[in-house]
Amino acid sequence: MELETKAQIARATLSLLVVVASLFFLGVLVLVLCAGLEINPFRETTTSFLIAAFAGLAGVAAVLVLLNVATNVSLIADAKIAELRIEPRRGVLRKWLIAFGFAAAALVALVFGGTYLSKERFLGVVHTQADEVLGANKNLLEEISRLLASGKVEDYKRIAEIRTFLQNQRSGLPQLTVIYSGKFADKLAFYRVNEYFPEYQQTRAYIPTYFTCTQNLDCDYLTRFFSGEKVDILQKYTLREDQFYIYMPFIGNEARFVLLFDRRNSYGKLGS
């Protein structure tokens, strides 16, 4: 094999290793963003594929060793190229840095943009399904209003049954909680009815379960609603833990309450 051919092969090998190293470092960037911020805009299958691809890029140590060896070979090749009076291409490193910067910026935009779009899309789907279910069961919502005003033990059990029925009307609906208000020492208190129905078996007395509101999320919203104000539907989600909240207020003829749909979504919607 001629010296010129060997030199070109060595340079091509170095370029290929630079590409592999660049892909590896871009993968590190995405991994740091997703793990550090606890976000993931990709679906399960895509996530598994990306993890496998990332593992397939070898390790940082192996890449650095190969890159070092290839660099030494490239130096020898450059000397041979100089002897053959072959002019090297100028500005290659600058072009690689610019391409790497654009790729890194694109990946950052993909992670944050994909996370935002996946959350908005999920909220939109749940909101649509919830509107359909509640719109078709207005009579059950009025029944909950009447039962809350009555306040008997069997009434709360019936509310729990209605909650379970409404939640299971669509496969995509998340956890449903009925939030209502009461008084404790003349202070406004929030209570909830969810899947578990507590009661003393001996006295059959109902034990209300407190609903703990979260500052900067729903405390002010619930306080205003149960104090008599008219509020709109509240939709919120967290960036770090993929927690979704949809508060749907209902003002019945005898009592008012809030239907809370919430769900922990550990994966995003990008990919397959």
Protein backbone atom coordinates (compact mmCIF):
# COMPACT_ATOMS: atom_id res chain seq x y z
CA MET A 1 0.00 0.00 0.00
CA GLU A 2 1.41 3.41 -0.97
CA LEU A 3 2.39 5.92 1.72
CA GLU A 4 -0.20 8.42 0.51
CA THR A 5 -2.96 5.83 0.84
CA LYS A 6 -1.86 4.89 4.35
CA ALA A 7 -1.77 8.54 5.37
CA GLN A 8 -5.29 9.15 4.07
CA ILE A 9 -6.58 6.05 5.87
CA ALA A 10 -5.02 7.26 9.13
CA ARG A 11 -6.63 10.68 8.77
CA ALA A 12 -9.99 9.10 7.92
CA THR A 13 -9.72 6.89 11.01
CA LEU A 14 -9.08 9.95 13.18
CA SER A 15 -12.07 11.76 11.67
CA LEU A 16 -14.29 8.75 12.37
CA LEU A 17 -13.14 8.62 16.00
CA VAL A 18 -13.83 12.34 16.35
CA VAL A 19 -17.39 11.73 15.14
CA VAL A 20 -17.85 8.89 17.67
CA ALA A 21 -16.44 11.04 20.47
CA SER A 22 -18.72 13.94 19.46
CA LEU A 23 -21.80 11.70 19.55
CA PHE A 24 -20.74 10.37 22.94
CA PHE A 25 -20.36 13.85 24.43
CA LEU A 26 -23.71 14.92 22.96
CA GLY A 27 -25.24 11.88 24.65
CA VAL A 28 -23.62 12.95 27.92
CA LEU A 29 -25.22 16.39 27.49
CA VAL A 30 -28.71 14.90 27.05
CA LEU A 31 -28.14 12.51 29.97
CA VAL A 32 -27.07 15.34 32.27
CA LEU A 33 -30.10 17.44 31.29
CA CYS A 34 -32.61 14.60 31.76
CA ALA A 35 -31.08 13.15 34.93
CA GLY A 36 -30.19 16.48 36.53
CA LEU A 37 -33.60 18.05 35.94
CA GLU A 38 -35.50 14.74 36.30
CA ILE A 39 -37.27 15.16 32.97
CA ASN A 40 -37.71 12.80 30.02
CA PRO A 41 -39.51 13.91 26.83
CA PHE A 42 -39.15 10.50 25.17
CA ARG A 43 -41.42 7.47 25.13
CA GLU A 44 -40.32 4.20 26.76
CA THR A 45 -39.22 2.53 23.51
CA THR A 46 -37.24 5.57 22.38
CA THR A 47 -35.64 5.87 25.81
CA SER A 48 -34.50 2.25 25.69
CA PHE A 49 -33.09 2.76 22.19
CA LEU A 50 -31.18 5.88 23.22
CA ILE A 51 -29.73 4.14 26.27
CA ALA A 52 -28.60 1.21 24.11
CA ALA A 53 -27.09 3.60 21.56
CA PHE A 54 -25.31 5.53 24.28
CA ALA A 55 -23.88 2.31 25.77
CA GLY A 56 -22.80 1.23 22.29
CA LEU A 57 -20.51 4.23 21.92
CA ALA A 58 -18.04 2.47 24.22
CA GLY A 59 -16.71 4.21 27.30
CA VAL A 60 -15.03 7.55 27.69
CA ALA A 61 -11.75 5.86 28.55
CA ALA A 62 -11.83 3.60 25.49
CA VAL A 63 -12.65 6.54 23.20
CA LEU A 64 -9.81 8.64 24.64
CA VAL A 65 -7.30 5.78 24.27
CA LEU A 66 -8.31 5.16 20.67
CA LEU A 67 -8.28 8.89 19.95
CA ASN A 68 -4.77 9.20 21.36
CA VAL A 69 -3.51 6.29 19.28
CA ALA A 70 -5.18 7.67 16.17
CA THR A 71 -3.66 11.11 16.84
CA ASN A 72 -0.16 9.65 16.96
CA VAL A 73 -0.80 7.77 13.75
CA SER A 74 -2.15 11.00 12.24
CA LEU A 75 1.04 12.84 13.17
CA ILE A 76 3.08 10.27 11.32
CA ALA A 77 0.66 10.51 8.42
CA ASP A 78 0.95 14.32 8.39
CA ALA A 79 4.71 13.99 8.14
CA LYS A 80 4.34 11.69 5.21
CA ILE A 81 1.83 14.05 3.61
CA ALA A 82 4.31 16.90 4.04
CA GLU A 83 6.98 14.85 2.32
CA LEU A 84 4.56 14.22 -0.52
CA ARG A 85 3.73 17.96 -0.61
CA ILE A 86 -0.03 17.36 -0.14
CA GLU A 87 -1.72 20.50 1.18
CA PRO A 88 -4.03 19.78 4.18
CA ARG A 89 -7.48 21.28 4.22
CA ARG A 90 -7.74 24.43 6.32
CA GLY A 91 -10.46 25.23 8.85
CA VAL A 92 -11.49 21.61 9.54
CA LEU A 93 -11.31 22.00 13.35
CA ARG A 94 -13.31 25.22 13.25
CA LYS A 95 -16.01 23.54 11.18
CA TRP A 96 -16.18 20.64 13.64
CA LEU A 97 -16.57 23.03 16.60
CA ILE A 98 -19.34 24.95 14.85
CA ALA A 99 -21.16 21.73 13.91
CA PHE A 100 -20.81 20.43 17.47
CA GLY A 101 -22.18 23.69 18.89
CA PHE A 102 -25.21 23.61 16.59
CA ALA A 103 -25.86 19.93 17.44
CA ALA A 104 -25.61 20.64 21.19
CA ALA A 105 -28.03 23.60 20.90
CA ALA A 106 -30.46 21.48 18.89
CA LEU A 107 -30.41 18.72 21.52
CA VAL A 108 -31.01 21.19 24.36
CA ALA A 109 -33.96 22.65 22.45
CA LEU A 110 -35.26 19.14 21.77
CA VAL A 111 -35.15 18.14 25.45
CA PHE A 112 -36.85 21.27 26.80
CA GLY A 113 -39.22 21.75 23.86
CA GLY A 114 -40.16 18.08 23.81
CA THR A 115 -40.82 18.08 27.55
CA TYR A 116 -43.07 21.13 27.28
CA LEU A 117 -45.01 19.76 24.30
CA SER A 118 -45.45 16.34 25.90
CA LYS A 119 -46.89 17.86 29.08
CA GLU A 120 -49.25 20.15 27.19
CA ARG A 121 -50.37 17.29 24.98
CA PHE A 122 -51.03 15.02 27.95
CA LEU A 123 -53.02 17.71 29.76
CA GLY A 124 -55.07 18.35 26.64
CA VAL A 125 -55.96 14.66 26.22
CA VAL A 126 -56.95 14.25 29.89
CA HIS A 127 -58.92 17.51 29.86
CA THR A 128 -60.90 16.43 26.78
CA GLN A 129 -61.70 13.00 28.23
CA ALA A 130 -62.68 14.48 31.59
CA ASP A 131 -65.03 16.98 29.92
CA GLU A 132 -66.69 14.13 27.99
CA VAL A 133 -67.19 11.98 31.09
CA LEU A 134 -68.43 14.78 33.33
CA GLY A 135 -70.68 16.18 30.61
CA ALA A 136 -72.37 12.79 30.22
CA ASN A 137 -72.84 12.35 33.99
CA LYS A 138 -74.20 15.67 35.22
CA ASN A 139 -76.82 13.83 37.26
CA LEU A 140 -74.10 12.03 39.25
CA LEU A 141 -72.33 15.31 39.97
CA GLU A 142 -75.57 16.77 41.30
CA GLU A 143 -75.99 13.65 43.40
CA ILE A 144 -72.54 14.20 44.91
CA SER A 145 -73.58 17.77 45.75
CA ARG A 146 -76.70 16.50 47.50
CA LEU A 147 -74.84 13.76 49.36
CA LEU A 148 -72.17 16.16 50.63
CA ALA A 149 -74.90 18.43 52.01
CA SER A 150 -76.49 15.44 53.76
CA GLY A 151 -73.25 14.20 55.32
CA LYS A 152 -74.36 10.71 56.37
CA VAL A 153 -71.97 7.75 56.46
CA GLU A 154 -73.69 5.91 53.65
CA ASP A 155 -73.68 9.12 51.61
CA TYR A 156 -69.86 9.30 51.63
CA LYS A 157 -69.69 5.66 50.66
CA ARG A 158 -71.94 6.41 47.72
CA ILE A 159 -69.70 9.34 46.74
CA ALA A 160 -66.72 6.96 46.71
CA GLU A 161 -68.64 4.62 44.42
CA ILE A 162 -69.51 7.47 42.04
CA ARG A 163 -65.86 8.59 42.02
CA THR A 164 -64.74 5.09 41.05
CA PHE A 165 -67.36 4.93 38.31
CA LEU A 166 -66.35 8.28 36.79
CA GLN A 167 -62.63 7.46 36.89
CA ASN A 168 -63.11 4.22 34.99
CA GLN A 169 -65.16 5.66 32.12
CA ARG A 170 -62.03 6.28 30.03
CA SER A 171 -58.81 4.30 29.93
CA GLY A 172 -56.72 7.48 29.75
CA LEU A 173 -58.16 9.16 32.84
CA PRO A 174 -55.74 9.40 35.78
CA GLN A 175 -56.44 9.23 39.52
CA LEU A 176 -59.64 11.07 40.47
CA THR A 177 -60.14 12.71 43.88
CA VAL A 178 -63.26 14.52 45.12
CA ILE A 179 -62.29 17.55 47.23
CA TYR A 180 -64.85 19.17 49.49
CA SER A 181 -64.71 21.65 52.35
CA GLY A 182 -65.71 21.73 55.98
CA LYS A 183 -64.99 23.53 59.23
CA PHE A 184 -62.53 22.75 62.00
CA ALA A 185 -62.58 25.18 64.94
CA ASP A 186 -64.20 27.76 62.67
CA LYS A 187 -61.35 27.36 60.19
CA LEU A 188 -61.79 26.31 56.57
CA ALA A 189 -60.60 22.74 56.05
CA PHE A 190 -60.27 20.65 52.90
CA TYR A 191 -61.26 16.99 52.77
CA ARG A 192 -61.07 14.36 50.06
CA VAL A 193 -62.86 11.25 48.91
CA ASN A 194 -60.81 8.82 46.89
CA GLU A 195 -60.55 5.07 46.45
CA TYR A 196 -60.25 4.18 50.13
CA PHE A 197 -63.39 4.63 52.25
CA PRO A 198 -62.54 4.92 55.99
CA GLU A 199 -65.06 4.17 58.71
CA TYR A 200 -65.18 2.67 62.17
CA GLN A 201 -66.66 -0.79 61.82
CA GLN A 202 -68.13 -0.73 65.36
CA THR A 203 -69.79 2.68 65.41
CA ARG A 204 -70.01 3.10 61.61
CA ALA A 205 -68.86 6.70 62.05
CA TYR A 206 -67.34 8.34 59.02
CA ILE A 207 -63.71 9.48 59.38
CA PRO A 208 -63.03 12.37 56.99
CA THR A 209 -59.64 12.38 55.30
CA TYR A 210 -57.88 15.72 55.04
CA PHE A 211 -56.73 16.97 51.67
CA THR A 212 -53.34 18.63 52.08
CA CYS A 213 -53.00 21.51 49.67
CA THR A 214 -49.64 22.67 48.31
CA GLN A 215 -48.40 26.24 48.58
CA ASN A 216 -48.08 27.99 45.20
CA LEU A 217 -50.09 25.18 43.61
CA ASP A 218 -53.65 24.89 44.88
CA CYS A 219 -54.06 26.36 48.40
CA ASP A 220 -55.13 29.82 47.23
CA TYR A 221 -57.25 28.32 44.44
CA LEU A 222 -59.19 26.01 46.79
CA THR A 223 -59.57 28.72 49.45
CA ARG A 224 -61.09 31.15 46.97
CA PHE A 225 -63.43 28.54 45.50
CA PHE A 226 -64.75 27.20 48.81
CA SER A 227 -65.10 30.76 50.11
CA GLY A 228 -67.72 31.37 47.45
CA GLU A 229 -65.74 32.78 44.54
CA LYS A 230 -66.17 31.58 40.98
CA VAL A 231 -62.98 30.08 39.56
CA ASP A 232 -61.97 28.47 36.28
CA ILE A 233 -60.44 25.07 35.67
CA LEU A 234 -56.86 24.95 36.96
CA GLN A 235 -54.20 23.01 35.04
CA LYS A 236 -50.66 22.67 36.33
CA TYR A 237 -47.69 20.37 36.02
CA THR A 238 -44.26 20.12 37.59
CA LEU A 239 -41.10 20.22 35.51
CA ARG A 240 -38.93 17.90 37.59
CA GLU A 241 -41.24 15.03 38.59
CA ASP A 242 -43.75 14.96 35.72
CA GLN A 243 -46.74 15.41 38.03
CA PHE A 244 -49.94 16.59 36.35
CA TYR A 245 -52.90 18.31 38.05
CA ILE A 246 -56.30 19.27 36.62
CA TYR A 247 -58.77 20.88 39.07
CA MET A 248 -62.34 20.96 37.78
CA PRO A 249 -64.71 22.92 40.09
CA PHE A 250 -68.40 22.07 40.29
CA ILE A 251 -71.10 24.21 41.93
CA GLY A 252 -74.16 22.10 42.66
CA ASN A 253 -77.56 23.06 43.96
CA GLU A 254 -76.66 22.10 47.53
CA ALA A 255 -72.86 22.00 47.78
CA ARG A 256 -69.73 22.76 45.80
CA PHE A 257 -66.71 20.53 45.30
CA VAL A 258 -63.64 20.05 43.09
CA LEU A 259 -62.75 17.05 40.97
CA LEU A 260 -58.97 16.61 40.88
CA PHE A 261 -57.36 14.52 38.16
CA ASP A 262 -53.68 13.92 38.87
CA ARG A 263 -51.08 11.52 37.60
CA ARG A 264 -47.34 10.87 37.73
CA ASN A 265 -46.14 10.46 34.15
CA SER A 266 -42.56 9.12 34.16
CA TYR A 267 -42.00 9.35 30.39
CA GLY A 268 -42.67 11.91 27.72
CA LYS A 269 -44.36 11.62 24.34
CA LEU A 270 -41.50 11.92 21.84
CA GLY A 271 -40.47 8.87 19.87
CA SER A 272 -42.16 5.49 19.61
